[in-house]
N, C-alpha and C. Protein backbone atom coordinates (compact mmCIF):
# COMPACT_ATOMS: atom_id res chain seq x y z
N MET A 1 8.19 -3.73 8.17
CA MET A 1 9.32 -4.47 7.68
C MET A 1 10.47 -3.49 7.58
N SER A 2 11.60 -3.82 8.16
CA SER A 2 12.74 -2.91 8.12
C SER A 2 13.41 -2.96 6.76
N GLU A 3 14.05 -1.86 6.41
CA GLU A 3 14.67 -1.70 5.10
C GLU A 3 15.74 -2.76 4.85
N ASP A 4 16.54 -3.12 5.87
CA ASP A 4 17.63 -4.06 5.67
C ASP A 4 17.15 -5.51 5.53
N LYS A 5 15.92 -5.81 5.88
CA LYS A 5 15.42 -7.18 5.79
C LYS A 5 14.65 -7.45 4.51
N LYS A 6 14.51 -6.47 3.64
CA LYS A 6 13.72 -6.67 2.43
C LYS A 6 14.41 -7.64 1.49
N ILE A 7 13.62 -8.54 0.96
CA ILE A 7 14.11 -9.50 -0.03
C ILE A 7 13.40 -9.16 -1.34
N TYR A 8 14.13 -8.54 -2.25
CA TYR A 8 13.55 -8.13 -3.53
C TYR A 8 13.48 -9.32 -4.46
N VAL A 9 12.30 -9.60 -5.00
CA VAL A 9 12.12 -10.76 -5.88
C VAL A 9 11.65 -10.39 -7.28
N ALA A 10 11.31 -9.10 -7.50
CA ALA A 10 10.85 -8.69 -8.82
C ALA A 10 10.81 -7.17 -8.93
N ASN A 11 10.86 -6.71 -10.17
CA ASN A 11 10.61 -5.32 -10.52
C ASN A 11 9.57 -5.32 -11.61
N GLY A 12 8.70 -4.33 -11.60
CA GLY A 12 7.62 -4.31 -12.59
C GLY A 12 7.46 -2.97 -13.24
N LYS A 13 6.64 -2.99 -14.27
CA LYS A 13 6.40 -1.79 -15.06
C LYS A 13 4.89 -1.58 -15.18
N THR A 14 4.44 -0.35 -14.98
CA THR A 14 3.02 -0.03 -15.12
C THR A 14 2.64 -0.03 -16.59
N LYS A 15 1.54 -0.71 -16.90
CA LYS A 15 1.00 -0.72 -18.25
C LYS A 15 -0.36 -0.04 -18.21
N THR A 16 -0.55 0.91 -19.10
CA THR A 16 -1.84 1.60 -19.20
C THR A 16 -2.60 1.04 -20.40
N TRP A 17 -3.83 0.62 -20.16
CA TRP A 17 -4.67 0.02 -21.18
C TRP A 17 -5.45 1.09 -21.94
N SER A 18 -6.02 0.73 -23.08
CA SER A 18 -6.74 1.68 -23.91
C SER A 18 -7.98 2.24 -23.22
N ASN A 19 -8.53 1.51 -22.22
CA ASN A 19 -9.71 2.00 -21.51
C ASN A 19 -9.33 2.87 -20.30
N GLY A 20 -8.03 3.14 -20.14
CA GLY A 20 -7.58 3.98 -19.03
C GLY A 20 -7.16 3.21 -17.80
N GLY A 21 -7.46 1.93 -17.75
CA GLY A 21 -7.06 1.11 -16.61
C GLY A 21 -5.56 0.83 -16.64
N THR A 22 -5.05 0.41 -15.51
CA THR A 22 -3.62 0.10 -15.44
C THR A 22 -3.40 -1.25 -14.77
N SER A 23 -2.25 -1.82 -15.03
CA SER A 23 -1.81 -3.02 -14.35
C SER A 23 -0.30 -2.94 -14.22
N VAL A 24 0.25 -3.77 -13.36
CA VAL A 24 1.70 -3.83 -13.21
C VAL A 24 2.15 -5.22 -13.62
N LYS A 25 3.01 -5.27 -14.61
CA LYS A 25 3.55 -6.55 -15.08
C LYS A 25 4.95 -6.71 -14.51
N PHE A 26 5.24 -7.90 -14.00
CA PHE A 26 6.57 -8.17 -13.47
C PHE A 26 6.91 -9.63 -13.63
N ALA A 27 8.19 -9.92 -13.62
CA ALA A 27 8.68 -11.30 -13.67
C ALA A 27 9.28 -11.61 -12.31
N LEU A 28 8.82 -12.70 -11.72
CA LEU A 28 9.26 -13.11 -10.39
C LEU A 28 10.54 -13.93 -10.51
N ASP A 29 11.56 -13.55 -9.75
CA ASP A 29 12.83 -14.26 -9.73
C ASP A 29 12.69 -15.45 -8.78
N LEU A 30 12.48 -16.65 -9.33
CA LEU A 30 12.22 -17.83 -8.52
C LEU A 30 13.42 -18.23 -7.66
N LYS A 31 14.64 -17.93 -8.12
CA LYS A 31 15.81 -18.25 -7.31
C LYS A 31 15.80 -17.41 -6.03
N LYS A 32 15.52 -16.12 -6.17
CA LYS A 32 15.44 -15.25 -4.99
C LYS A 32 14.28 -15.66 -4.10
N LEU A 33 13.16 -16.04 -4.71
CA LEU A 33 12.01 -16.48 -3.94
C LEU A 33 12.33 -17.77 -3.19
N GLY A 34 13.07 -18.66 -3.82
CA GLY A 34 13.48 -19.91 -3.18
C GLY A 34 14.39 -19.66 -1.98
N ASN A 35 15.14 -18.56 -2.01
CA ASN A 35 16.00 -18.22 -0.89
C ASN A 35 15.22 -17.67 0.30
N ALA A 36 13.92 -17.47 0.13
CA ALA A 36 13.08 -16.92 1.19
C ALA A 36 12.18 -17.99 1.79
N LYS A 37 12.58 -19.25 1.71
CA LYS A 37 11.74 -20.37 2.17
C LYS A 37 11.36 -20.26 3.64
N GLU A 38 12.17 -19.57 4.43
CA GLU A 38 11.84 -19.43 5.85
C GLU A 38 10.56 -18.63 6.07
N TYR A 39 10.07 -17.93 5.03
CA TYR A 39 8.85 -17.15 5.15
C TYR A 39 7.64 -17.85 4.53
N TYR A 40 7.83 -19.06 4.01
CA TYR A 40 6.70 -19.85 3.51
C TYR A 40 5.89 -20.32 4.72
N TYR A 41 4.61 -20.47 4.53
CA TYR A 41 3.78 -21.08 5.56
C TYR A 41 2.73 -21.95 4.88
N GLU A 42 2.18 -22.87 5.63
CA GLU A 42 1.21 -23.82 5.08
C GLU A 42 -0.13 -23.62 5.75
N LEU A 43 -1.16 -23.67 4.94
CA LEU A 43 -2.53 -23.53 5.43
C LEU A 43 -3.41 -24.48 4.64
N ASN A 44 -4.05 -25.39 5.32
CA ASN A 44 -4.92 -26.38 4.68
C ASN A 44 -4.21 -27.15 3.57
N GLY A 45 -2.95 -27.50 3.80
CA GLY A 45 -2.20 -28.30 2.85
C GLY A 45 -1.63 -27.54 1.67
N THR A 46 -1.78 -26.22 1.63
CA THR A 46 -1.25 -25.40 0.54
C THR A 46 -0.18 -24.47 1.09
N LYS A 47 0.94 -24.36 0.37
CA LYS A 47 2.02 -23.48 0.80
C LYS A 47 1.80 -22.08 0.23
N TYR A 48 2.11 -21.07 1.05
CA TYR A 48 1.96 -19.67 0.67
C TYR A 48 3.21 -18.89 1.05
N ILE A 49 3.35 -17.73 0.45
CA ILE A 49 4.32 -16.73 0.88
C ILE A 49 3.67 -15.38 0.63
N ASN A 50 3.80 -14.48 1.56
CA ASN A 50 3.21 -13.15 1.41
C ASN A 50 4.21 -12.23 0.72
N LEU A 51 3.74 -11.55 -0.32
CA LEU A 51 4.56 -10.62 -1.08
C LEU A 51 3.96 -9.23 -0.96
N GLU A 52 4.79 -8.24 -1.18
CA GLU A 52 4.33 -6.86 -1.13
C GLU A 52 4.85 -6.14 -2.37
N MET A 53 3.94 -5.47 -3.08
CA MET A 53 4.33 -4.68 -4.24
C MET A 53 4.19 -3.22 -3.88
N SER A 54 5.20 -2.43 -4.20
CA SER A 54 5.14 -1.00 -3.90
C SER A 54 5.78 -0.21 -5.03
N GLU A 55 5.39 1.04 -5.11
CA GLU A 55 5.96 1.92 -6.12
C GLU A 55 7.39 2.26 -5.74
N LYS A 56 8.28 2.28 -6.72
CA LYS A 56 9.67 2.61 -6.46
C LYS A 56 9.79 4.08 -6.06
N ARG A 57 10.77 4.38 -5.24
CA ARG A 57 10.99 5.77 -4.82
C ARG A 57 11.32 6.65 -6.00
N ILE A 58 12.17 6.16 -6.87
CA ILE A 58 12.47 6.87 -8.12
C ILE A 58 11.74 6.10 -9.20
N SER A 59 10.64 6.70 -9.67
CA SER A 59 9.76 5.98 -10.58
C SER A 59 9.48 6.81 -11.81
N PRO A 60 9.75 6.33 -12.98
CA PRO A 60 10.38 5.05 -13.30
C PRO A 60 11.89 5.12 -13.10
N ASP A 61 12.51 3.95 -12.91
CA ASP A 61 13.96 3.91 -12.76
C ASP A 61 14.62 3.93 -14.14
N GLN A 62 15.90 3.72 -14.21
CA GLN A 62 16.64 3.81 -15.47
C GLN A 62 16.20 2.77 -16.49
N TYR A 63 15.50 1.71 -16.04
CA TYR A 63 15.03 0.67 -16.94
C TYR A 63 13.53 0.78 -17.22
N GLY A 64 12.91 1.84 -16.73
CA GLY A 64 11.48 2.03 -16.94
C GLY A 64 10.61 1.30 -15.94
N LYS A 65 11.21 0.70 -14.93
CA LYS A 65 10.45 -0.04 -13.91
C LYS A 65 9.86 0.94 -12.91
N THR A 66 8.60 0.71 -12.55
CA THR A 66 7.89 1.62 -11.66
C THR A 66 7.59 1.02 -10.29
N HIS A 67 7.65 -0.32 -10.17
CA HIS A 67 7.28 -1.01 -8.94
C HIS A 67 8.31 -2.07 -8.57
N SER A 68 8.36 -2.41 -7.29
CA SER A 68 9.20 -3.52 -6.84
C SER A 68 8.34 -4.47 -6.01
N VAL A 69 8.74 -5.73 -6.00
CA VAL A 69 8.03 -6.76 -5.25
C VAL A 69 9.02 -7.33 -4.24
N THR A 70 8.60 -7.36 -2.97
CA THR A 70 9.45 -7.90 -1.91
C THR A 70 8.69 -8.97 -1.14
N VAL A 71 9.44 -9.80 -0.46
CA VAL A 71 8.85 -10.80 0.43
C VAL A 71 8.47 -10.10 1.72
N ASP A 72 7.27 -10.35 2.19
CA ASP A 72 6.84 -9.82 3.49
C ASP A 72 7.53 -10.64 4.56
N THR A 73 8.51 -10.05 5.23
CA THR A 73 9.32 -10.78 6.21
C THR A 73 8.78 -10.66 7.62
N PHE A 74 7.57 -10.15 7.77
CA PHE A 74 6.96 -10.04 9.09
C PHE A 74 6.70 -11.43 9.66
N VAL A 75 7.15 -11.66 10.86
CA VAL A 75 6.90 -12.92 11.55
C VAL A 75 6.12 -12.58 12.81
N PRO A 76 4.86 -13.03 12.92
CA PRO A 76 4.05 -12.66 14.07
C PRO A 76 4.59 -13.26 15.36
N ASP A 77 4.34 -12.55 16.44
CA ASP A 77 4.68 -13.05 17.77
C ASP A 77 3.54 -13.96 18.19
N HIS A 78 3.77 -15.27 18.14
CA HIS A 78 2.70 -16.24 18.40
C HIS A 78 2.14 -16.15 19.81
N THR A 79 2.92 -15.69 20.76
CA THR A 79 2.40 -15.58 22.12
C THR A 79 1.32 -14.52 22.17
N LYS A 80 1.51 -13.41 21.44
CA LYS A 80 0.48 -12.36 21.41
C LYS A 80 -0.74 -12.84 20.63
N ALA A 81 -0.51 -13.56 19.54
CA ALA A 81 -1.62 -14.06 18.72
C ALA A 81 -2.48 -15.03 19.52
N ASN A 82 -1.85 -15.93 20.24
CA ASN A 82 -2.60 -16.88 21.06
C ASN A 82 -3.34 -16.18 22.18
N GLN A 83 -2.73 -15.15 22.75
CA GLN A 83 -3.36 -14.41 23.82
C GLN A 83 -4.61 -13.68 23.32
N SER A 84 -4.53 -13.08 22.12
CA SER A 84 -5.69 -12.36 21.60
C SER A 84 -6.80 -13.33 21.20
N LYS A 85 -6.46 -14.55 20.78
CA LYS A 85 -7.48 -15.55 20.45
C LYS A 85 -8.27 -15.94 21.70
N THR A 86 -7.58 -16.08 22.81
CA THR A 86 -8.27 -16.47 24.03
C THR A 86 -9.11 -15.33 24.58
N ASN A 87 -8.72 -14.10 24.26
CA ASN A 87 -9.49 -12.93 24.70
C ASN A 87 -10.54 -12.52 23.68
N ASN A 88 -10.62 -13.25 22.55
CA ASN A 88 -11.55 -12.94 21.47
C ASN A 88 -11.34 -11.54 20.92
N GLU A 89 -10.11 -11.07 20.93
CA GLU A 89 -9.80 -9.76 20.35
C GLU A 89 -9.39 -9.96 18.91
N GLY A 90 -9.81 -9.05 18.05
CA GLY A 90 -9.43 -9.10 16.65
C GLY A 90 -10.16 -10.20 15.92
N SER A 91 -10.41 -9.95 14.64
CA SER A 91 -11.11 -10.95 13.85
C SER A 91 -10.37 -11.26 12.56
N GLN A 92 -9.06 -10.99 12.52
CA GLN A 92 -8.32 -11.26 11.31
C GLN A 92 -8.12 -12.76 11.12
N ARG A 93 -8.35 -13.20 9.87
CA ARG A 93 -8.14 -14.60 9.53
C ARG A 93 -6.90 -14.68 8.67
N PRO A 94 -6.21 -15.81 8.71
CA PRO A 94 -5.04 -15.96 7.85
C PRO A 94 -5.47 -16.03 6.39
N PRO A 95 -4.56 -15.68 5.44
CA PRO A 95 -4.90 -15.78 4.02
C PRO A 95 -5.34 -17.20 3.69
N GLY A 96 -6.31 -17.31 2.80
CA GLY A 96 -6.78 -18.63 2.40
C GLY A 96 -7.86 -19.18 3.30
N ASP A 97 -8.24 -18.44 4.34
CA ASP A 97 -9.24 -18.91 5.28
C ASP A 97 -10.62 -18.38 4.92
N VAL A 98 -10.78 -17.87 3.71
CA VAL A 98 -12.04 -17.31 3.27
C VAL A 98 -13.10 -18.41 3.22
N GLY A 99 -14.28 -18.10 3.70
CA GLY A 99 -15.38 -19.04 3.64
C GLY A 99 -15.57 -19.85 4.90
N LYS A 100 -14.56 -20.01 5.71
CA LYS A 100 -14.70 -20.78 6.93
C LYS A 100 -15.39 -19.91 7.97
N ASN A 101 -16.44 -20.43 8.54
CA ASN A 101 -17.23 -19.71 9.54
C ASN A 101 -17.75 -18.39 8.99
N ASP A 102 -18.02 -18.34 7.70
CA ASP A 102 -18.51 -17.13 7.05
C ASP A 102 -20.03 -17.19 7.03
N PRO A 103 -20.73 -16.27 7.74
CA PRO A 103 -22.19 -16.32 7.78
C PRO A 103 -22.83 -16.05 6.43
N PHE A 104 -22.10 -15.45 5.49
CA PHE A 104 -22.66 -15.13 4.19
C PHE A 104 -22.30 -16.16 3.13
N GLU A 105 -21.65 -17.22 3.54
CA GLU A 105 -21.14 -18.22 2.62
C GLU A 105 -22.23 -18.81 1.72
N ASP A 106 -23.42 -19.04 2.24
CA ASP A 106 -24.50 -19.67 1.48
C ASP A 106 -25.45 -18.66 0.84
N ASP A 107 -25.16 -17.37 0.93
CA ASP A 107 -26.05 -16.36 0.39
C ASP A 107 -25.86 -16.08 -1.10
N ILE A 108 -24.92 -16.78 -1.74
CA ILE A 108 -24.69 -16.54 -3.16
C ILE A 108 -25.82 -17.19 -3.95
N PRO A 109 -26.51 -16.42 -4.81
CA PRO A 109 -27.71 -16.91 -5.48
C PRO A 109 -27.47 -17.86 -6.63
N TRP A 110 -26.25 -18.17 -7.01
CA TRP A 110 -26.02 -19.08 -8.13
C TRP A 110 -25.30 -20.31 -7.71
């Protein structure tokens, strides 16, 4: 994703828990996310958007924020994707496709 195409939708702060674990808390700017509708996609009747969280270059910034969240603006070249499907190259599934044609799907003991 090129630097000029990034759509920033949130900034977050690292929280350290008493057990030593960490998490990143952030508030998503829905107005900015709504402006990125061209990157929404639908799979099995559910709408998705891919986001990317990364550590800020200057971390923490002046407000104590350590991470930023951007919209993944990558748009696949469908001609290459269709070509690799016909050649049976690659086994990547789209997000949300978990369980379909999964040989281990019925191996869960509960």
